[in-house]
Amino acid sequence: MKLVHVYLNFPGTAEAAFRFYETVFGTTIVGIQTYGNTPFVGQVPEAVRDKIMNIQLPITPGVHLMASDSVPGFGPELSVGNNFSIVVVADDRAEADRVFGALSSVGEVTMPIANAPWGPYFGMCRDKFGIHWMVSLDHPV
């Protein structure tokens, strides 16, 4: 396994939360992307284009906090229990497929693992214990 991260979902306050976390951890945001700055911008309502699709803050070299704003029409409605995911960044496609298959085999696939519109090989699922997972590579396959 290459990396494991924590992914948080916010009700429109992701950037404010991460600006706060920068001060807490003494690190700097390394990536921020809004829904309006994506290849599928045409599918995004104007009212949410400034919301965060992905933001990333390193805590240590191997542990990052990542997050997005929950936007209607892009994933489930935000609630306690689905407001975080564990992210597994695999070493290769075989490992990504194996981990994703094992986690989702007696759970639920919420986004099949495939090349995502924004780039990397990526999938989301909920395991049989109700834990949300994201499995990816750093690149498409």
C-alpha atoms as a PDB file:
ATOM      1  CA  MET A   1       0.000   0.000   0.000  1.00  0.00           C
ATOM      2  CA  LYS A   2       1.362   3.366  -0.960  1.00  0.00           C
ATOM      3  CA  LEU A   3      -0.620   5.650   1.395  1.00  0.00           C
ATOM      4  CA  VAL A   4      -3.684   5.829   3.603  1.00  0.00           C
ATOM      5  CA  HIS A   5      -5.440   9.172   4.176  1.00  0.00           C
ATOM      6  CA  VAL A   6      -8.578  10.474   5.882  1.00  0.00           C
ATOM      7  CA  TYR A   7     -11.181  12.144   3.645  1.00  0.00           C
ATOM      8  CA  LEU A   8     -13.715  14.504   5.228  1.00  0.00           C
ATOM      9  CA  ASN A   9     -16.971  15.897   3.820  1.00  0.00           C
ATOM     10  CA  PHE A  10     -18.298  19.307   4.824  1.00  0.00           C
ATOM     11  CA  PRO A  11     -21.596  21.176   4.327  1.00  0.00           C
ATOM     12  CA  GLY A  12     -19.925  23.987   2.352  1.00  0.00           C
ATOM     13  CA  THR A  13     -17.192  24.836   4.873  1.00  0.00           C
ATOM     14  CA  ALA A  14     -14.281  22.702   3.615  1.00  0.00           C
ATOM     15  CA  GLU A  15     -11.992  25.612   2.755  1.00  0.00           C
ATOM     16  CA  ALA A  16     -12.639  27.412   6.064  1.00  0.00           C
ATOM     17  CA  ALA A  17     -12.001  24.188   7.967  1.00  0.00           C
ATOM     18  CA  PHE A  18      -8.739  23.555   6.122  1.00  0.00           C
ATOM     19  CA  ARG A  19      -7.538  27.135   6.631  1.00  0.00           C
ATOM     20  CA  PHE A  20      -8.062  26.473  10.343  1.00  0.00           C
ATOM     21  CA  TYR A  21      -6.275  23.097  10.142  1.00  0.00           C
ATOM     22  CA  GLU A  22      -3.302  24.843   8.480  1.00  0.00           C
ATOM     23  CA  THR A  23      -2.853  26.870  11.671  1.00  0.00           C
ATOM     24  CA  VAL A  24      -3.359  23.851  13.916  1.00  0.00           C
ATOM     25  CA  PHE A  25      -0.815  21.610  12.156  1.00  0.00           C
ATOM     26  CA  GLY A  26       1.571  24.305  10.887  1.00  0.00           C
ATOM     27  CA  THR A  27       1.415  22.966   7.328  1.00  0.00           C
ATOM     28  CA  THR A  28       0.144  24.399   4.044  1.00  0.00           C
ATOM     29  CA  ILE A  29      -2.649  23.285   1.738  1.00  0.00           C
ATOM     30  CA  VAL A  30      -1.035  21.538  -1.254  1.00  0.00           C
ATOM     31  CA  GLY A  31      -4.020  21.285  -3.546  1.00  0.00           C
ATOM     32  CA  ILE A  32      -7.428  22.877  -3.897  1.00  0.00           C
ATOM     33  CA  GLN A  33      -9.962  22.336  -6.674  1.00  0.00           C
ATOM     34  CA  THR A  34     -13.488  23.709  -6.932  1.00  0.00           C
ATOM     35  CA  TYR A  35     -16.418  22.057  -8.695  1.00  0.00           C
ATOM     36  CA  GLY A  36     -16.235  24.903 -11.217  1.00  0.00           C
ATOM     37  CA  ASN A  37     -12.663  23.984 -12.121  1.00  0.00           C
ATOM     38  CA  THR A  38     -13.298  20.435 -13.358  1.00  0.00           C
ATOM     39  CA  PRO A  39     -13.651  18.720 -16.739  1.00  0.00           C
ATOM     40  CA  PHE A  40     -17.380  18.230 -15.985  1.00  0.00           C
ATOM     41  CA  VAL A  41     -18.053  21.900 -15.125  1.00  0.00           C
ATOM     42  CA  GLY A  42     -21.004  21.890 -17.551  1.00  0.00           C
ATOM     43  CA  GLN A  43     -22.835  19.456 -15.263  1.00  0.00           C
ATOM     44  CA  VAL A  44     -22.254  21.603 -12.165  1.00  0.00           C
ATOM     45  CA  PRO A  45     -24.939  24.118 -11.139  1.00  0.00           C
ATOM     46  CA  GLU A  46     -23.654  27.707 -11.131  1.00  0.00           C
ATOM     47  CA  ALA A  47     -24.547  28.093  -7.438  1.00  0.00           C
ATOM     48  CA  VAL A  48     -22.024  25.446  -6.321  1.00  0.00           C
ATOM     49  CA  ARG A  49     -19.126  26.016  -8.718  1.00  0.00           C
ATOM     50  CA  ASP A  50     -17.116  27.802  -6.013  1.00  0.00           C
ATOM     51  CA  LYS A  51     -17.526  24.898  -3.557  1.00  0.00           C
ATOM     52  CA  ILE A  52     -14.577  22.591  -2.895  1.00  0.00           C
ATOM     53  CA  MET A  53     -14.403  19.350  -4.873  1.00  0.00           C
ATOM     54  CA  ASN A  54     -11.044  18.397  -3.368  1.00  0.00           C
ATOM     55  CA  ILE A  55      -8.623  19.982  -0.928  1.00  0.00           C
ATOM     56  CA  GLN A  56      -5.528  18.420   0.600  1.00  0.00           C
ATOM     57  CA  LEU A  57      -3.418  19.271   3.631  1.00  0.00           C
ATOM     58  CA  PRO A  58      -0.363  17.250   4.644  1.00  0.00           C
ATOM     59  CA  ILE A  59      -0.162  16.497   8.355  1.00  0.00           C
ATOM     60  CA  THR A  60       3.025  14.437   7.978  1.00  0.00           C
ATOM     61  CA  PRO A  61       4.807  13.358   4.776  1.00  0.00           C
ATOM     62  CA  GLY A  62       2.730  10.164   4.691  1.00  0.00           C
ATOM     63  CA  VAL A  63      -0.575  11.327   6.210  1.00  0.00           C
ATOM     64  CA  HIS A  64      -2.835  13.899   4.566  1.00  0.00           C
ATOM     65  CA  LEU A  65      -6.266  15.255   5.392  1.00  0.00           C
ATOM     66  CA  MET A  66      -8.396  15.527   2.283  1.00  0.00           C
ATOM     67  CA  ALA A  67     -11.926  16.879   1.913  1.00  0.00           C
ATOM     68  CA  SER A  68     -14.744  18.188  -0.219  1.00  0.00           C
ATOM     69  CA  ASP A  69     -17.964  20.114   0.181  1.00  0.00           C
ATOM     70  CA  SER A  70     -21.081  17.973  -0.048  1.00  0.00           C
ATOM     71  CA  VAL A  71     -23.003  19.222  -3.090  1.00  0.00           C
ATOM     72  CA  PRO A  72     -26.525  18.045  -4.037  1.00  0.00           C
ATOM     73  CA  GLY A  73     -26.361  15.760  -7.068  1.00  0.00           C
ATOM     74  CA  PHE A  74     -22.726  14.765  -6.472  1.00  0.00           C
ATOM     75  CA  GLY A  75     -22.835  11.952  -3.947  1.00  0.00           C
ATOM     76  CA  PRO A  76     -25.169  11.169  -1.073  1.00  0.00           C
ATOM     77  CA  GLU A  77     -26.703  13.784   1.201  1.00  0.00           C
ATOM     78  CA  LEU A  78     -24.275  14.624   4.013  1.00  0.00           C
ATOM     79  CA  SER A  79     -25.001  13.035   7.376  1.00  0.00           C
ATOM     80  CA  VAL A  80     -23.101  11.776  10.394  1.00  0.00           C
ATOM     81  CA  GLY A  81     -21.564   8.480   9.296  1.00  0.00           C
ATOM     82  CA  ASN A  82     -20.918   9.435   5.683  1.00  0.00           C
ATOM     83  CA  ASN A  83     -18.983  12.612   6.482  1.00  0.00           C
ATOM     84  CA  PHE A  84     -15.638  10.802   6.276  1.00  0.00           C
ATOM     85  CA  SER A  85     -13.920   8.076   4.268  1.00  0.00           C
ATOM     86  CA  ILE A  86     -10.659   6.234   4.530  1.00  0.00           C
ATOM     87  CA  VAL A  87      -8.568   6.654   1.384  1.00  0.00           C
ATOM     88  CA  VAL A  88      -6.245   3.896   0.198  1.00  0.00           C
ATOM     89  CA  VAL A  89      -3.741   4.846  -2.511  1.00  0.00           C
ATOM     90  CA  ALA A  90      -2.553   1.559  -3.980  1.00  0.00           C
ATOM     91  CA  ASP A  91       0.825   0.780  -5.536  1.00  0.00           C
ATOM     92  CA  ASP A  92      -0.678  -0.584  -8.764  1.00  0.00           C
ATOM     93  CA  ARG A  93      -3.954  -1.480 -10.498  1.00  0.00           C
ATOM     94  CA  ALA A  94      -3.903  -5.099  -9.295  1.00  0.00           C
ATOM     95  CA  GLU A  95      -3.654  -3.988  -5.679  1.00  0.00           C
ATOM     96  CA  ALA A  96      -6.347  -1.322  -6.149  1.00  0.00           C
ATOM     97  CA  ASP A  97      -8.700  -3.858  -7.723  1.00  0.00           C
ATOM     98  CA  ARG A  98      -8.006  -6.454  -5.007  1.00  0.00           C
ATOM     99  CA  VAL A  99      -8.576  -4.032  -2.121  1.00  0.00           C
ATOM    100  CA  PHE A 100     -11.674  -2.486  -3.716  1.00  0.00           C
ATOM    101  CA  GLY A 101     -13.116  -5.925  -4.510  1.00  0.00           C
ATOM    102  CA  ALA A 102     -12.535  -7.217  -0.989  1.00  0.00           C
ATOM    103  CA  LEU A 103     -14.000  -4.133   0.712  1.00  0.00           C
ATOM    104  CA  SER A 104     -17.073  -3.985  -1.512  1.00  0.00           C
ATOM    105  CA  SER A 105     -17.719  -7.725  -1.891  1.00  0.00           C
ATOM    106  CA  VAL A 106     -20.193  -7.826   1.000  1.00  0.00           C
ATOM    107  CA  GLY A 107     -20.800  -4.080   1.113  1.00  0.00           C
ATOM    108  CA  GLU A 108     -22.003  -1.557  -1.442  1.00  0.00           C
ATOM    109  CA  VAL A 109     -20.235   0.011  -4.424  1.00  0.00           C
ATOM    110  CA  THR A 110     -21.071   3.722  -4.471  1.00  0.00           C
ATOM    111  CA  MET A 111     -18.771   4.538  -7.426  1.00  0.00           C
ATOM    112  CA  PRO A 112     -17.287   1.675  -9.456  1.00  0.00           C
ATOM    113  CA  ILE A 113     -13.506   1.673  -9.678  1.00  0.00           C
ATOM    114  CA  ALA A 114     -12.474   3.129 -13.048  1.00  0.00           C
ATOM    115  CA  ASN A 115     -10.635   6.088 -14.519  1.00  0.00           C
ATOM    116  CA  ALA A 116     -12.372   9.083 -12.940  1.00  0.00           C
ATOM    117  CA  PRO A 117     -13.383  12.152 -15.000  1.00  0.00           C
ATOM    118  CA  TRP A 118     -10.770  14.196 -13.092  1.00  0.00           C
ATOM    119  CA  GLY A 119      -7.946  11.728 -13.764  1.00  0.00           C
ATOM    120  CA  PRO A 120      -6.921   8.913 -11.445  1.00  0.00           C
ATOM    121  CA  TYR A 121      -8.133   5.319 -11.274  1.00  0.00           C
ATOM    122  CA  PHE A 122     -10.661   5.646  -8.456  1.00  0.00           C
ATOM    123  CA  GLY A 123     -13.630   3.982  -6.782  1.00  0.00           C
ATOM    124  CA  MET A 124     -15.804   4.364  -3.670  1.00  0.00           C
ATOM    125  CA  CYS A 125     -17.597   1.785  -1.570  1.00  0.00           C
ATOM    126  CA  ARG A 126     -19.052   1.100   1.840  1.00  0.00           C
ATOM    127  CA  ASP A 127     -17.927  -2.102   3.559  1.00  0.00           C
ATOM    128  CA  LYS A 128     -20.145  -4.527   5.462  1.00  0.00           C
ATOM    129  CA  PHE A 129     -19.529  -2.545   8.667  1.00  0.00           C
ATOM    130  CA  GLY A 130     -20.765   0.731   7.133  1.00  0.00           C
ATOM    131  CA  ILE A 131     -17.302   2.303   6.750  1.00  0.00           C
ATOM    132  CA  HIS A 132     -16.823   4.420   3.618  1.00  0.00           C
ATOM    133  CA  TRP A 133     -13.682   3.776   1.535  1.00  0.00           C
ATOM    134  CA  MET A 134     -12.024   5.419  -1.459  1.00  0.00           C
ATOM    135  CA  VAL A 135      -9.483   3.332  -3.377  1.00  0.00           C
ATOM    136  CA  SER A 136      -7.268   4.906  -6.006  1.00  0.00           C
ATOM    137  CA  LEU A 137      -4.039   5.199  -7.889  1.00  0.00           C
ATOM    138  CA  ASP A 138      -2.268   8.499  -8.450  1.00  0.00           C
ATOM    139  CA  HIS A 139      -2.928   8.183 -12.182  1.00  0.00           C
ATOM    140  CA  PRO A 140      -5.368   6.697 -14.719  1.00  0.00           C
ATOM    141  CA  VAL A 141      -4.771   3.202 -16.111  1.00  0.00           C
END
